[in-house]
Amino acid sequence: MADPYCPPEADSGSNTTGFPEDRTDGQPNPLCSLGPRPIIMTGLMRILLTDHFSAAENVEHKLFRKRLWKKGDDTGILIEDATVWTPGRTGSRPAVIIKRNTWKSQKVSLNNFSGINSEGFDEHIKFWRGSHTLFCIAKEGAEAEILAAEVYRMLMHYAPVFREYFNLMLFELMDVGALGEIEEAHECYGVPITVMYGWSDNWVLRLQTPKLKRIGLSELFPPER
């Protein structure tokens, strides 16, 4: 039975499973082993967007059925991490630029202690909450609004699927911001969309001997020379 936490390998057929397709040449999903990390969550957002915009049958508005995403410089829509994006790369194409926001942790208990497991080792847990903002950019204001509607409706409709699929405690569309001009890209308009997610970070400490017991007083207070 396939692991629902890891995306299946990509195939040449259409996506009929309801889950996001893996279009990363069959590489394993890092969320399976590493859990959420800033660069991984940015990559996840990009996978969700490229999957949606890579097939016309996924797209609601006919304007973007002819502006599909594909690998290479001739893609119809640019979907990129904000850390590598430049206005010159967008040109006259629409774009969705992905930017990570602040992550916040929530303390559960003293030392984040959650109990002792069956092997007698201490278990710990910390809750995390983070968000990404997706900037939907286009030359015309109306086009930016249509692109934003396409993106936020996809995130809103499939949020429960994404949450379960990637083993998150929360995956939720939060805000659709106001239309405005993009300072970095002259004569372009953008709409910011913020999506929030949450998860728990769990770990076990297997200390055989406390490190402090190995340190003698002579090491802490060496004699004067």
N, C-alpha and C. Protein backbone atom coordinates (compact mmCIF):
# COMPACT_ATOMS: atom_id res chain seq x y z
N MET A 1 0.85 -1.20 0.00
CA MET A 1 0.00 0.00 0.00
C MET A 1 0.88 1.24 0.00
N ALA A 2 0.55 2.20 -0.85
CA ALA A 2 1.37 3.41 -0.97
C ALA A 2 1.24 4.27 0.29
N ASP A 3 2.32 4.94 0.63
CA ASP A 3 2.33 5.83 1.78
C ASP A 3 1.59 7.11 1.41
N PRO A 4 0.45 7.45 2.07
CA PRO A 4 -0.30 8.65 1.70
C PRO A 4 0.43 9.92 2.06
N TYR A 5 1.49 9.82 2.85
CA TYR A 5 2.25 10.98 3.27
C TYR A 5 3.25 11.40 2.19
N CYS A 6 3.57 10.52 1.28
CA CYS A 6 4.54 10.81 0.23
C CYS A 6 3.83 10.80 -1.12
N PRO A 7 4.04 11.83 -1.95
CA PRO A 7 3.38 11.86 -3.26
C PRO A 7 3.80 10.70 -4.13
N PRO A 8 2.89 10.20 -4.98
CA PRO A 8 3.25 9.15 -5.91
C PRO A 8 4.16 9.68 -6.98
N GLU A 9 4.81 8.78 -7.71
CA GLU A 9 5.66 9.21 -8.81
C GLU A 9 4.80 9.77 -9.94
N ALA A 10 5.39 10.72 -10.66
CA ALA A 10 4.65 11.36 -11.74
C ALA A 10 4.42 10.39 -12.88
N ASP A 11 3.31 10.57 -13.60
CA ASP A 11 3.06 9.79 -14.80
C ASP A 11 2.59 10.74 -15.89
N SER A 12 2.38 10.19 -17.07
CA SER A 12 2.03 11.03 -18.21
C SER A 12 0.54 11.28 -18.32
N GLY A 13 -0.27 10.62 -17.50
CA GLY A 13 -1.71 10.79 -17.59
C GLY A 13 -2.19 11.96 -16.77
N SER A 14 -3.48 12.23 -16.83
CA SER A 14 -4.05 13.33 -16.07
C SER A 14 -4.21 12.93 -14.63
N ASN A 15 -4.34 13.94 -13.77
CA ASN A 15 -4.45 13.71 -12.34
C ASN A 15 -5.90 13.48 -11.97
N THR A 16 -6.27 12.27 -11.61
CA THR A 16 -7.66 11.95 -11.27
C THR A 16 -7.80 11.47 -9.84
N THR A 17 -6.72 11.57 -9.05
CA THR A 17 -6.75 11.05 -7.68
C THR A 17 -7.29 12.05 -6.69
N GLY A 18 -7.32 13.34 -7.04
CA GLY A 18 -7.71 14.36 -6.09
C GLY A 18 -6.54 14.86 -5.27
N PHE A 19 -5.40 14.19 -5.35
CA PHE A 19 -4.20 14.62 -4.65
C PHE A 19 -3.28 15.35 -5.62
N PRO A 20 -2.43 16.25 -5.11
CA PRO A 20 -1.48 16.91 -6.01
C PRO A 20 -0.50 15.92 -6.58
N GLU A 21 -0.25 16.05 -7.87
CA GLU A 21 0.69 15.16 -8.55
C GLU A 21 2.12 15.57 -8.24
N ASP A 22 3.02 14.62 -8.20
CA ASP A 22 4.44 14.91 -8.04
C ASP A 22 5.04 15.14 -9.42
N ARG A 23 5.41 16.37 -9.74
CA ARG A 23 6.00 16.70 -11.04
C ARG A 23 7.47 17.06 -10.85
N THR A 24 8.14 16.36 -9.96
CA THR A 24 9.54 16.65 -9.64
C THR A 24 10.43 15.48 -10.04
N ASP A 25 10.11 14.84 -11.16
CA ASP A 25 10.91 13.74 -11.71
C ASP A 25 11.00 12.56 -10.74
N GLY A 26 9.93 12.35 -9.96
CA GLY A 26 9.88 11.18 -9.10
C GLY A 26 10.77 11.24 -7.88
N GLN A 27 11.30 12.44 -7.53
CA GLN A 27 12.13 12.55 -6.35
C GLN A 27 11.27 12.40 -5.11
N PRO A 28 11.81 11.78 -4.03
CA PRO A 28 11.02 11.60 -2.81
C PRO A 28 10.64 12.94 -2.21
N ASN A 29 9.48 12.99 -1.59
CA ASN A 29 9.02 14.20 -0.92
C ASN A 29 9.75 14.36 0.41
N PRO A 30 10.50 15.46 0.63
CA PRO A 30 11.26 15.62 1.87
C PRO A 30 10.38 15.67 3.11
N LEU A 31 9.09 16.03 2.96
CA LEU A 31 8.22 16.05 4.11
C LEU A 31 8.09 14.67 4.75
N CYS A 32 8.32 13.62 3.97
CA CYS A 32 8.19 12.26 4.50
C CYS A 32 9.16 12.02 5.64
N SER A 33 10.37 12.56 5.55
CA SER A 33 11.39 12.25 6.54
C SER A 33 11.83 13.46 7.35
N LEU A 34 11.76 14.66 6.78
CA LEU A 34 12.29 15.83 7.45
C LEU A 34 11.23 16.65 8.17
N GLY A 35 9.98 16.53 7.77
CA GLY A 35 8.96 17.38 8.35
C GLY A 35 9.04 18.79 7.79
N PRO A 36 8.10 19.67 8.19
CA PRO A 36 8.10 21.04 7.66
C PRO A 36 9.37 21.80 8.03
N ARG A 37 9.97 22.43 7.05
CA ARG A 37 11.10 23.34 7.21
C ARG A 37 10.87 24.48 6.23
N PRO A 38 11.44 25.66 6.48
CA PRO A 38 11.12 26.80 5.61
C PRO A 38 11.29 26.52 4.12
N ILE A 39 12.44 26.01 3.72
CA ILE A 39 12.68 25.79 2.30
C ILE A 39 11.79 24.67 1.75
N ILE A 40 11.45 23.69 2.58
CA ILE A 40 10.59 22.60 2.15
C ILE A 40 9.17 23.09 1.94
N MET A 41 8.68 23.93 2.85
CA MET A 41 7.32 24.45 2.71
C MET A 41 7.21 25.37 1.50
N THR A 42 8.27 26.13 1.20
CA THR A 42 8.26 26.94 -0.02
C THR A 42 8.18 26.04 -1.25
N GLY A 43 8.95 24.95 -1.24
CA GLY A 43 8.89 24.00 -2.34
C GLY A 43 7.52 23.34 -2.46
N LEU A 44 6.90 23.07 -1.31
CA LEU A 44 5.56 22.47 -1.33
C LEU A 44 4.56 23.42 -1.99
N MET A 45 4.61 24.71 -1.62
CA MET A 45 3.71 25.68 -2.23
C MET A 45 3.90 25.72 -3.75
N ARG A 46 5.15 25.65 -4.15
CA ARG A 46 5.43 25.71 -5.59
C ARG A 46 4.90 24.46 -6.30
N ILE A 47 5.05 23.30 -5.68
CA ILE A 47 4.53 22.06 -6.28
C ILE A 47 3.02 22.13 -6.44
N LEU A 48 2.31 22.63 -5.41
CA LEU A 48 0.86 22.73 -5.48
C LEU A 48 0.43 23.64 -6.63
N LEU A 49 1.14 24.76 -6.79
CA LEU A 49 0.77 25.71 -7.83
C LEU A 49 1.13 25.21 -9.22
N THR A 50 2.32 24.66 -9.38
CA THR A 50 2.71 24.16 -10.70
C THR A 50 1.84 22.99 -11.13
N ASP A 51 1.43 22.17 -10.17
CA ASP A 51 0.53 21.06 -10.50
C ASP A 51 -0.80 21.59 -11.02
N HIS A 52 -1.33 22.61 -10.34
CA HIS A 52 -2.63 23.16 -10.74
C HIS A 52 -2.57 23.79 -12.13
N PHE A 53 -1.53 24.57 -12.38
CA PHE A 53 -1.45 25.34 -13.62
C PHE A 53 -0.79 24.58 -14.77
N SER A 54 -0.50 23.30 -14.58
CA SER A 54 0.15 22.54 -15.65
C SER A 54 -0.85 21.78 -16.52
N ALA A 55 -2.12 21.76 -16.17
CA ALA A 55 -3.12 21.05 -16.96
C ALA A 55 -4.36 21.92 -17.10
N ALA A 56 -4.84 22.09 -18.32
CA ALA A 56 -5.98 22.98 -18.59
C ALA A 56 -7.23 22.55 -17.85
N GLU A 57 -7.40 21.23 -17.66
CA GLU A 57 -8.62 20.77 -16.98
C GLU A 57 -8.66 21.14 -15.51
N ASN A 58 -7.51 21.52 -14.94
CA ASN A 58 -7.49 21.95 -13.54
C ASN A 58 -7.94 23.40 -13.37
N VAL A 59 -7.80 24.19 -14.43
CA VAL A 59 -7.94 25.64 -14.34
C VAL A 59 -9.40 26.05 -14.58
N GLU A 60 -9.94 26.87 -13.67
CA GLU A 60 -11.33 27.31 -13.78
C GLU A 60 -11.51 28.38 -14.85
N HIS A 61 -10.67 29.39 -14.86
CA HIS A 61 -10.86 30.52 -15.77
C HIS A 61 -10.16 30.26 -17.10
N LYS A 62 -10.90 30.45 -18.17
CA LYS A 62 -10.38 30.12 -19.51
C LYS A 62 -9.17 30.96 -19.89
N LEU A 63 -9.01 32.16 -19.28
CA LEU A 63 -7.86 33.01 -19.59
C LEU A 63 -6.54 32.30 -19.33
N PHE A 64 -6.51 31.48 -18.28
CA PHE A 64 -5.25 30.83 -17.91
C PHE A 64 -5.14 29.39 -18.41
N ARG A 65 -6.14 28.92 -19.13
CA ARG A 65 -6.02 27.60 -19.76
C ARG A 65 -5.04 27.63 -20.93
N LYS A 66 -4.79 28.82 -21.44
CA LYS A 66 -3.82 28.97 -22.53
C LYS A 66 -2.48 29.49 -22.03
N ARG A 67 -2.36 29.65 -20.74
CA ARG A 67 -1.12 30.14 -20.14
C ARG A 67 -0.67 29.16 -19.07
N LEU A 68 -0.42 27.96 -19.49
CA LEU A 68 -0.10 26.89 -18.56
C LEU A 68 1.37 26.92 -18.16
N TRP A 69 1.62 26.32 -17.01
CA TRP A 69 3.00 26.22 -16.52
C TRP A 69 3.68 25.00 -17.12
N LYS A 70 4.94 25.15 -17.48
CA LYS A 70 5.78 24.03 -17.87
C LYS A 70 7.22 24.40 -17.57
N LYS A 71 8.07 23.38 -17.47
CA LYS A 71 9.47 23.63 -17.19
C LYS A 71 10.12 24.37 -18.35
N GLY A 72 10.99 25.30 -18.02
CA GLY A 72 11.69 26.04 -19.06
C GLY A 72 11.30 27.50 -19.10
N ASP A 73 12.02 28.25 -19.90
CA ASP A 73 11.81 29.69 -19.99
C ASP A 73 10.56 30.06 -20.78
N ASP A 74 9.99 29.12 -21.53
CA ASP A 74 8.82 29.43 -22.35
C ASP A 74 7.52 29.07 -21.64
N THR A 75 7.54 28.95 -20.31
CA THR A 75 6.33 28.67 -19.56
C THR A 75 5.33 29.80 -19.72
N GLY A 76 4.04 29.45 -19.72
CA GLY A 76 3.00 30.47 -19.88
C GLY A 76 2.77 31.30 -18.65
N ILE A 77 3.08 30.75 -17.48
CA ILE A 77 2.95 31.47 -16.22
C ILE A 77 4.17 31.15 -15.38
N LEU A 78 4.75 32.17 -14.77
CA LEU A 78 5.94 31.98 -13.95
C LEU A 78 5.51 31.72 -12.52
N ILE A 79 6.03 30.65 -11.92
CA ILE A 79 5.76 30.32 -10.52
C ILE A 79 7.10 30.14 -9.85
N GLU A 80 7.46 31.05 -8.94
CA GLU A 80 8.83 31.07 -8.46
C GLU A 80 8.93 31.53 -7.01
N ASP A 81 10.01 31.10 -6.36
CA ASP A 81 10.36 31.53 -5.02
C ASP A 81 10.81 32.99 -5.06
N ALA A 82 10.38 33.79 -4.09
CA ALA A 82 10.71 35.21 -4.06
C ALA A 82 12.20 35.45 -3.94
N THR A 83 12.95 34.50 -3.38
CA THR A 83 14.38 34.69 -3.18
C THR A 83 15.17 34.63 -4.49
N VAL A 84 14.61 34.07 -5.52
CA VAL A 84 15.31 33.98 -6.81
C VAL A 84 14.59 34.74 -7.92
N TRP A 85 13.41 35.31 -7.60
CA TRP A 85 12.64 36.01 -8.63
C TRP A 85 13.20 37.40 -8.88
N THR A 86 13.19 37.81 -10.14
CA THR A 86 13.49 39.18 -10.52
C THR A 86 12.41 39.64 -11.50
N PRO A 87 12.07 40.94 -11.50
CA PRO A 87 11.01 41.43 -12.41
C PRO A 87 11.30 41.11 -13.86
N GLY A 88 12.59 41.10 -14.26
CA GLY A 88 12.92 40.82 -15.65
C GLY A 88 12.53 39.43 -16.09
N ARG A 89 12.49 38.48 -15.13
CA ARG A 89 12.12 37.11 -15.49
C ARG A 89 10.63 37.00 -15.81
N THR A 90 9.83 37.88 -15.24
CA THR A 90 8.39 37.82 -15.46
C THR A 90 8.03 38.30 -16.86
N GLY A 91 8.59 39.43 -17.24
CA GLY A 91 8.25 39.99 -18.55
C GLY A 91 6.77 40.35 -18.62
N SER A 92 6.12 39.94 -19.71
CA SER A 92 4.70 40.23 -19.88
C SER A 92 3.82 39.08 -19.38
N ARG A 93 4.45 38.03 -18.84
CA ARG A 93 3.68 36.88 -18.38
C ARG A 93 3.09 37.13 -16.99
N PRO A 94 1.97 36.46 -16.67
CA PRO A 94 1.50 36.47 -15.28
C PRO A 94 2.46 35.65 -14.43
N ALA A 95 2.43 35.90 -13.13
CA ALA A 95 3.36 35.19 -12.25
C ALA A 95 2.75 35.03 -10.87
N VAL A 96 3.16 33.97 -10.18
CA VAL A 96 2.85 33.79 -8.77
C VAL A 96 4.18 33.66 -8.03
N ILE A 97 4.47 34.61 -7.17
CA ILE A 97 5.73 34.66 -6.45
C ILE A 97 5.48 34.24 -5.00
N ILE A 98 6.30 33.32 -4.50
CA ILE A 98 6.07 32.67 -3.21
C ILE A 98 7.04 33.22 -2.18
N LYS A 99 6.52 33.75 -1.07
CA LYS A 99 7.35 34.33 -0.03
C LYS A 99 6.96 33.77 1.33
N ARG A 100 7.97 33.30 2.08
CA ARG A 100 7.71 32.79 3.43
C ARG A 100 7.61 33.94 4.42
N ASN A 101 6.69 33.79 5.36
CA ASN A 101 6.53 34.76 6.44
C ASN A 101 7.10 34.20 7.75
N THR A 102 6.89 34.91 8.84
CA THR A 102 7.42 34.50 10.15
C THR A 102 6.79 33.19 10.61
N TRP A 103 7.61 32.34 11.21
CA TRP A 103 7.12 31.14 11.89
C TRP A 103 7.13 31.40 13.40
N LYS A 104 6.10 30.92 14.09
CA LYS A 104 6.02 31.08 15.54
C LYS A 104 5.80 29.72 16.20
N SER A 105 6.47 29.53 17.32
CA SER A 105 6.32 28.28 18.06
C SER A 105 5.47 28.51 19.30
N GLN A 106 4.86 27.46 19.78
CA GLN A 106 4.03 27.52 20.98
C GLN A 106 4.50 26.47 21.97
N LYS A 107 4.87 26.92 23.15
CA LYS A 107 5.35 26.01 24.19
C LYS A 107 4.18 25.22 24.76
N VAL A 108 4.36 23.92 24.88
CA VAL A 108 3.29 23.05 25.36
C VAL A 108 3.36 22.86 26.87
N SER A 109 4.57 22.66 27.40
CA SER A 109 4.76 22.41 28.83
C SER A 109 6.20 22.75 29.20
N LEU A 110 6.55 22.56 30.46
CA LEU A 110 7.92 22.79 30.90
C LEU A 110 8.87 21.89 30.13
N ASN A 111 9.89 22.50 29.50
CA ASN A 111 10.85 21.77 28.67
C ASN A 111 10.18 21.04 27.50
N ASN A 112 8.95 21.44 27.18
CA ASN A 112 8.20 20.79 26.09
C ASN A 112 8.03 19.30 26.30
N PHE A 113 7.98 18.90 27.57
CA PHE A 113 7.87 17.47 27.92
C PHE A 113 6.46 16.99 27.66
N SER A 114 6.33 15.84 26.99
CA SER A 114 5.00 15.31 26.68
C SER A 114 4.76 13.93 27.28
N GLY A 115 5.79 13.30 27.87
CA GLY A 115 5.60 11.98 28.48
C GLY A 115 6.82 11.10 28.31
N ILE A 116 6.69 9.87 28.78
CA ILE A 116 7.76 8.88 28.67
C ILE A 116 7.25 7.74 27.80
N ASN A 117 8.03 7.37 26.81
CA ASN A 117 7.59 6.31 25.90
C ASN A 117 7.80 4.93 26.49
N SER A 118 7.43 3.90 25.73
CA SER A 118 7.48 2.52 26.24
C SER A 118 8.90 2.05 26.53
N GLU A 119 9.90 2.73 25.95
CA GLU A 119 11.29 2.36 26.20
C GLU A 119 11.90 3.12 27.37
N GLY A 120 11.10 4.00 27.97
CA GLY A 120 11.57 4.74 29.13
C GLY A 120 12.27 6.04 28.80
N PHE A 121 12.19 6.50 27.55
CA PHE A 121 12.86 7.74 27.16
C PHE A 121 11.85 8.90 27.16
N ASP A 122 12.36 10.10 27.41
CA ASP A 122 11.52 11.29 27.45
C ASP A 122 11.10 11.69 26.04
N GLU A 123 9.81 11.97 25.90
CA GLU A 123 9.29 12.49 24.64
C GLU A 123 8.97 13.97 24.80
N HIS A 124 9.19 14.71 23.72
CA HIS A 124 8.96 16.15 23.75
C HIS A 124 8.14 16.56 22.53
N ILE A 125 7.46 17.70 22.67
CA ILE A 125 6.63 18.19 21.57
C ILE A 125 6.57 19.71 21.62
N LYS A 126 6.53 20.32 20.45
CA LYS A 126 6.34 21.77 20.32
C LYS A 126 5.45 22.01 19.11
N PHE A 127 4.48 22.90 19.27
CA PHE A 127 3.59 23.25 18.18
C PHE A 127 4.16 24.45 17.41
N TRP A 128 3.96 24.42 16.09
CA TRP A 128 4.44 25.48 15.22
C TRP A 128 3.31 25.99 14.34
N ARG A 129 3.42 27.27 14.00
CA ARG A 129 2.47 27.88 13.07
C ARG A 129 3.26 28.79 12.13
N GLY A 130 3.01 28.66 10.84
CA GLY A 130 3.71 29.48 9.86
C GLY A 130 2.79 29.86 8.72
N SER A 131 3.30 30.69 7.83
CA SER A 131 2.48 31.10 6.68
C SER A 131 3.37 31.49 5.51
N HIS A 132 2.78 31.43 4.34
CA HIS A 132 3.40 31.90 3.11
C HIS A 132 2.45 32.88 2.44
N THR A 133 3.00 33.86 1.77
CA THR A 133 2.20 34.78 0.96
C THR A 133 2.53 34.54 -0.51
N LEU A 134 1.48 34.39 -1.31
CA LEU A 134 1.61 34.16 -2.74
C LEU A 134 1.18 35.44 -3.46
N PHE A 135 2.10 36.07 -4.16
CA PHE A 135 1.80 37.30 -4.86
C PHE A 135 1.42 36.98 -6.30
N CYS A 136 0.16 37.27 -6.65
CA CYS A 136 -0.34 37.01 -7.99
C CYS A 136 -0.16 38.29 -8.81
N ILE A 137 0.73 38.24 -9.81
CA ILE A 137 1.18 39.42 -10.52
C ILE A 137 0.80 39.34 -12.00
N ALA A 138 0.38 40.47 -12.55
CA ALA A 138 0.06 40.54 -13.98
C ALA A 138 0.18 41.99 -14.45
N LYS A 139 0.24 42.18 -15.76
CA LYS A 139 0.37 43.51 -16.34
C LYS A 139 -0.88 44.35 -16.13
N GLU A 140 -2.03 43.71 -16.19
CA GLU A 140 -3.30 44.42 -16.03
C GLU A 140 -3.90 44.07 -14.67
N GLY A 141 -4.57 45.07 -14.07
CA GLY A 141 -5.17 44.85 -12.77
C GLY A 141 -6.22 43.76 -12.78
N ALA A 142 -7.04 43.75 -13.83
CA ALA A 142 -8.10 42.74 -13.92
C ALA A 142 -7.51 41.34 -14.04
N GLU A 143 -6.41 41.22 -14.79
CA GLU A 143 -5.77 39.92 -14.95
C GLU A 143 -5.20 39.43 -13.61
N ALA A 144 -4.62 40.35 -12.83
CA ALA A 144 -4.10 39.99 -11.51
C ALA A 144 -5.23 39.52 -10.59
N GLU A 145 -6.38 40.17 -10.67
CA GLU A 145 -7.53 39.77 -9.85
C GLU A 145 -8.04 38.39 -10.24
N ILE A 146 -8.09 38.12 -11.55
CA ILE A 146 -8.55 36.81 -12.02
C ILE A 146 -7.58 35.72 -11.59
N LEU A 147 -6.27 36.00 -11.71
CA LEU A 147 -5.26 35.04 -11.29
C LEU A 147 -5.37 34.77 -9.79
N ALA A 148 -5.57 35.82 -9.01
CA ALA A 148 -5.70 35.65 -7.55
C ALA A 148 -6.92 34.78 -7.21
N ALA A 149 -8.02 35.00 -7.93
CA ALA A 149 -9.22 34.19 -7.69
C ALA A 149 -8.96 32.72 -8.01
N GLU A 150 -8.22 32.47 -9.08
CA GLU A 150 -7.87 31.10 -9.45
C GLU A 150 -7.05 30.44 -8.34
N VAL A 151 -6.10 31.18 -7.79
CA VAL A 151 -5.21 30.62 -6.77
C VAL A 151 -5.94 30.43 -5.45
N TYR A 152 -6.66 31.45 -4.98
CA TYR A 152 -7.27 31.30 -3.65
C TYR A 152 -8.40 30.28 -3.65
N ARG A 153 -9.11 30.13 -4.77
CA ARG A 153 -10.16 29.12 -4.81
C ARG A 153 -9.57 27.71 -4.80
N MET A 154 -8.45 27.53 -5.48
CA MET A 154 -7.78 26.22 -5.44
C MET A 154 -7.33 25.89 -4.01
N LEU A 155 -6.71 26.86 -3.34
CA LEU A 155 -6.25 26.63 -1.97
C LEU A 155 -7.42 26.39 -1.02
N MET A 156 -8.49 27.15 -1.18
CA MET A 156 -9.66 27.01 -0.31
C MET A 156 -10.33 25.65 -0.50
N HIS A 157 -10.50 25.22 -1.73
CA HIS A 157 -11.21 23.98 -2.00
C HIS A 157 -10.43 22.75 -1.56
N TYR A 158 -9.10 22.78 -1.77
CA TYR A 158 -8.29 21.59 -1.51
C TYR A 158 -7.52 21.63 -0.20
N ALA A 159 -7.75 22.67 0.62
CA ALA A 159 -7.04 22.77 1.90
C ALA A 159 -7.19 21.51 2.75
N PRO A 160 -8.39 20.93 2.90
CA PRO A 160 -8.50 19.70 3.71
C PRO A 160 -7.69 18.54 3.14
N VAL A 161 -7.60 18.46 1.81
CA VAL A 161 -6.82 17.40 1.17
C VAL A 161 -5.34 17.61 1.44
N PHE A 162 -4.87 18.87 1.27
CA PHE A 162 -3.46 19.16 1.50
C PHE A 162 -3.07 18.90 2.95
N ARG A 163 -3.95 19.28 3.88
CA ARG A 163 -3.64 19.08 5.30
C ARG A 163 -3.44 17.61 5.61
N GLU A 164 -4.34 16.78 5.16
CA GLU A 164 -4.23 15.35 5.42
C GLU A 164 -3.08 14.73 4.64
N TYR A 165 -2.93 15.14 3.40
CA TYR A 165 -1.93 14.55 2.52
C TYR A 165 -0.51 14.78 3.02
N PHE A 166 -0.27 15.98 3.57
CA PHE A 166 1.07 16.32 4.05
C PHE A 166 1.18 16.24 5.57
N ASN A 167 0.19 15.62 6.21
CA ASN A 167 0.25 15.33 7.64
C ASN A 167 0.45 16.60 8.48
N LEU A 168 -0.32 17.63 8.16
CA LEU A 168 -0.27 18.88 8.89
C LEU A 168 -1.48 18.99 9.82
N MET A 169 -1.35 19.76 10.89
CA MET A 169 -2.46 19.99 11.79
C MET A 169 -3.40 21.07 11.24
N LEU A 170 -2.86 21.95 10.40
CA LEU A 170 -3.63 23.06 9.85
C LEU A 170 -3.09 23.41 8.47
N PHE A 171 -3.98 23.65 7.55
CA PHE A 171 -3.64 24.22 6.24
C PHE A 171 -4.85 25.02 5.83
N GLU A 172 -4.75 26.34 5.87
CA GLU A 172 -5.94 27.17 5.74
C GLU A 172 -5.65 28.46 4.98
N LEU A 173 -6.53 28.79 4.03
CA LEU A 173 -6.48 30.08 3.37
C LEU A 173 -6.87 31.15 4.38
N MET A 174 -6.03 32.20 4.53
CA MET A 174 -6.27 33.21 5.57
C MET A 174 -6.73 34.55 4.98
N ASP A 175 -5.97 35.09 4.03
CA ASP A 175 -6.25 36.44 3.53
C ASP A 175 -6.09 36.52 2.02
N VAL A 176 -6.93 37.34 1.41
CA VAL A 176 -6.76 37.75 0.03
C VAL A 176 -6.65 39.27 0.07
N GLY A 177 -5.45 39.79 -0.13
CA GLY A 177 -5.20 41.21 0.05
C GLY A 177 -5.73 42.07 -1.09
N ALA A 178 -5.56 43.36 -0.91
CA ALA A 178 -6.04 44.33 -1.90
C ALA A 178 -5.12 44.37 -3.12
N LEU A 179 -5.70 44.68 -4.26
CA LEU A 179 -4.93 44.87 -5.48
C LEU A 179 -4.06 46.11 -5.36
N GLY A 180 -2.81 46.02 -5.79
CA GLY A 180 -1.92 47.17 -5.74
C GLY A 180 -0.83 47.05 -6.77
N GLU A 181 -0.14 48.16 -7.00
CA GLU A 181 0.98 48.16 -7.93
C GLU A 181 2.20 47.54 -7.26
N ILE A 182 3.00 46.83 -8.04
CA ILE A 182 4.20 46.17 -7.55
C ILE A 182 5.38 47.12 -7.70
N GLU A 183 6.02 47.47 -6.59
CA GLU A 183 7.12 48.43 -6.64
C GLU A 183 8.30 47.88 -7.45
N GLU A 184 8.59 46.58 -7.27
CA GLU A 184 9.76 45.99 -7.94
C GLU A 184 9.55 45.84 -9.45
N ALA A 185 8.29 45.73 -9.87
CA ALA A 185 7.99 45.53 -11.29
C ALA A 185 7.08 46.66 -11.76
N HIS A 186 7.63 47.60 -12.49
CA HIS A 186 6.87 48.76 -12.94
C HIS A 186 5.75 48.33 -13.88
N GLU A 187 4.62 49.02 -13.75
CA GLU A 187 3.44 48.79 -14.58
C GLU A 187 2.90 47.37 -14.41
N CYS A 188 3.07 46.80 -13.23
CA CYS A 188 2.48 45.50 -12.91
C CYS A 188 1.63 45.63 -11.65
N TYR A 189 0.61 44.80 -11.58
CA TYR A 189 -0.28 44.80 -10.43
C TYR A 189 -0.19 43.44 -9.74
N GLY A 190 -0.49 43.44 -8.45
CA GLY A 190 -0.41 42.20 -7.70
C GLY A 190 -1.46 42.11 -6.61
N VAL A 191 -1.82 40.87 -6.29
CA VAL A 191 -2.74 40.59 -5.18
C VAL A 191 -2.06 39.58 -4.26
N PRO A 192 -1.86 39.92 -2.98
CA PRO A 192 -1.24 38.96 -2.06
C PRO A 192 -2.27 38.01 -1.45
N ILE A 193 -1.92 36.74 -1.41
CA ILE A 193 -2.77 35.71 -0.80
C ILE A 193 -1.95 35.01 0.27
N THR A 194 -2.48 34.93 1.48
CA THR A 194 -1.74 34.32 2.58
C THR A 194 -2.40 33.01 2.99
N VAL A 195 -1.60 31.96 3.09
CA VAL A 195 -2.07 30.65 3.54
C VAL A 195 -1.28 30.28 4.79
N MET A 196 -2.00 29.80 5.81
CA MET A 196 -1.38 29.44 7.08
C MET A 196 -1.39 27.94 7.25
N TYR A 197 -0.38 27.42 7.96
CA TYR A 197 -0.29 25.99 8.21
C TYR A 197 0.28 25.78 9.61
N GLY A 198 -0.02 24.65 10.19
CA GLY A 198 0.47 24.33 11.52
C GLY A 198 0.81 22.87 11.64
N TRP A 199 1.71 22.55 12.55
CA TRP A 199 2.15 21.18 12.74
C TRP A 199 2.77 21.03 14.12
N SER A 200 3.04 19.80 14.51
CA SER A 200 3.73 19.53 15.77
C SER A 200 5.10 18.94 15.47
N ASP A 201 6.08 19.37 16.24
CA ASP A 201 7.44 18.85 16.13
C ASP A 201 7.67 17.94 17.34
N ASN A 202 7.88 16.66 17.09
CA ASN A 202 8.04 15.68 18.16
C ASN A 202 9.44 15.08 18.12
N TRP A 203 10.02 14.86 19.31
CA TRP A 203 11.33 14.23 19.36
C TRP A 203 11.51 13.48 20.68
N VAL A 204 12.46 12.56 20.68
CA VAL A 204 12.77 11.72 21.84
C VAL A 204 14.24 11.92 22.21
N LEU A 205 14.51 12.12 23.49
CA LEU A 205 15.88 12.24 23.98
C LEU A 205 16.33 10.90 24.55
N ARG A 206 17.41 10.36 23.99
CA ARG A 206 17.94 9.08 24.46
C ARG A 206 19.34 9.30 25.05
N LEU A 207 19.39 9.96 26.19
CA LEU A 207 20.66 10.24 26.85
C LEU A 207 21.08 9.04 27.69
N GLN A 208 22.28 8.55 27.47
CA GLN A 208 22.81 7.44 28.26
C GLN A 208 23.41 7.94 29.57
N THR A 209 24.20 9.00 29.48
CA THR A 209 24.81 9.61 30.66
C THR A 209 24.76 11.11 30.47
N PRO A 210 24.23 11.85 31.44
CA PRO A 210 24.20 13.31 31.31
C PRO A 210 25.59 13.87 31.07
N LYS A 211 25.71 14.75 30.13
CA LYS A 211 27.02 15.28 29.77
C LYS A 211 27.68 16.02 30.92
N LEU A 212 26.90 16.70 31.75
CA LEU A 212 27.49 17.48 32.84
C LEU A 212 28.21 16.61 33.85
N LYS A 213 27.81 15.35 34.00
CA LYS A 213 28.46 14.46 34.96
C LYS A 213 29.87 14.08 34.52
N ARG A 214 30.18 14.29 33.28
CA ARG A 214 31.50 13.93 32.78
C ARG A 214 32.50 15.07 32.95
N ILE A 215 32.02 16.24 33.35
CA ILE A 215 32.88 17.41 33.45
C ILE A 215 33.32 17.59 34.90
N GLY A 216 34.59 17.57 35.15
CA GLY A 216 35.11 17.77 36.50
C GLY A 216 35.22 19.23 36.83
N LEU A 217 35.32 19.54 38.16
CA LEU A 217 35.43 20.92 38.59
C LEU A 217 36.71 21.57 38.07
N SER A 218 37.76 20.75 37.91
CA SER A 218 39.02 21.30 37.41
C SER A 218 38.88 21.84 35.99
N GLU A 219 37.92 21.26 35.24
CA GLU A 219 37.69 21.76 33.88
C GLU A 219 36.88 23.06 33.88
N LEU A 220 35.97 23.14 34.84
CA LEU A 220 35.16 24.35 34.95
C LEU A 220 35.97 25.51 35.53
N PHE A 221 36.83 25.20 36.53
CA PHE A 221 37.64 26.22 37.21
C PHE A 221 39.10 25.80 37.15
N PRO A 222 39.76 25.97 36.04
CA PRO A 222 41.17 25.55 35.93
C PRO A 222 42.05 26.38 36.85
N PRO A 223 43.08 25.79 37.42
CA PRO A 223 43.97 26.51 38.31
C PRO A 223 44.72 27.61 37.56
N GLU A 224 45.00 28.68 38.29
CA GLU A 224 45.74 29.77 37.69
C GLU A 224 47.19 29.36 37.43
N ARG A 225 47.74 29.86 36.34
CA ARG A 225 49.11 29.54 36.01
C ARG A 225 49.97 30.80 36.07
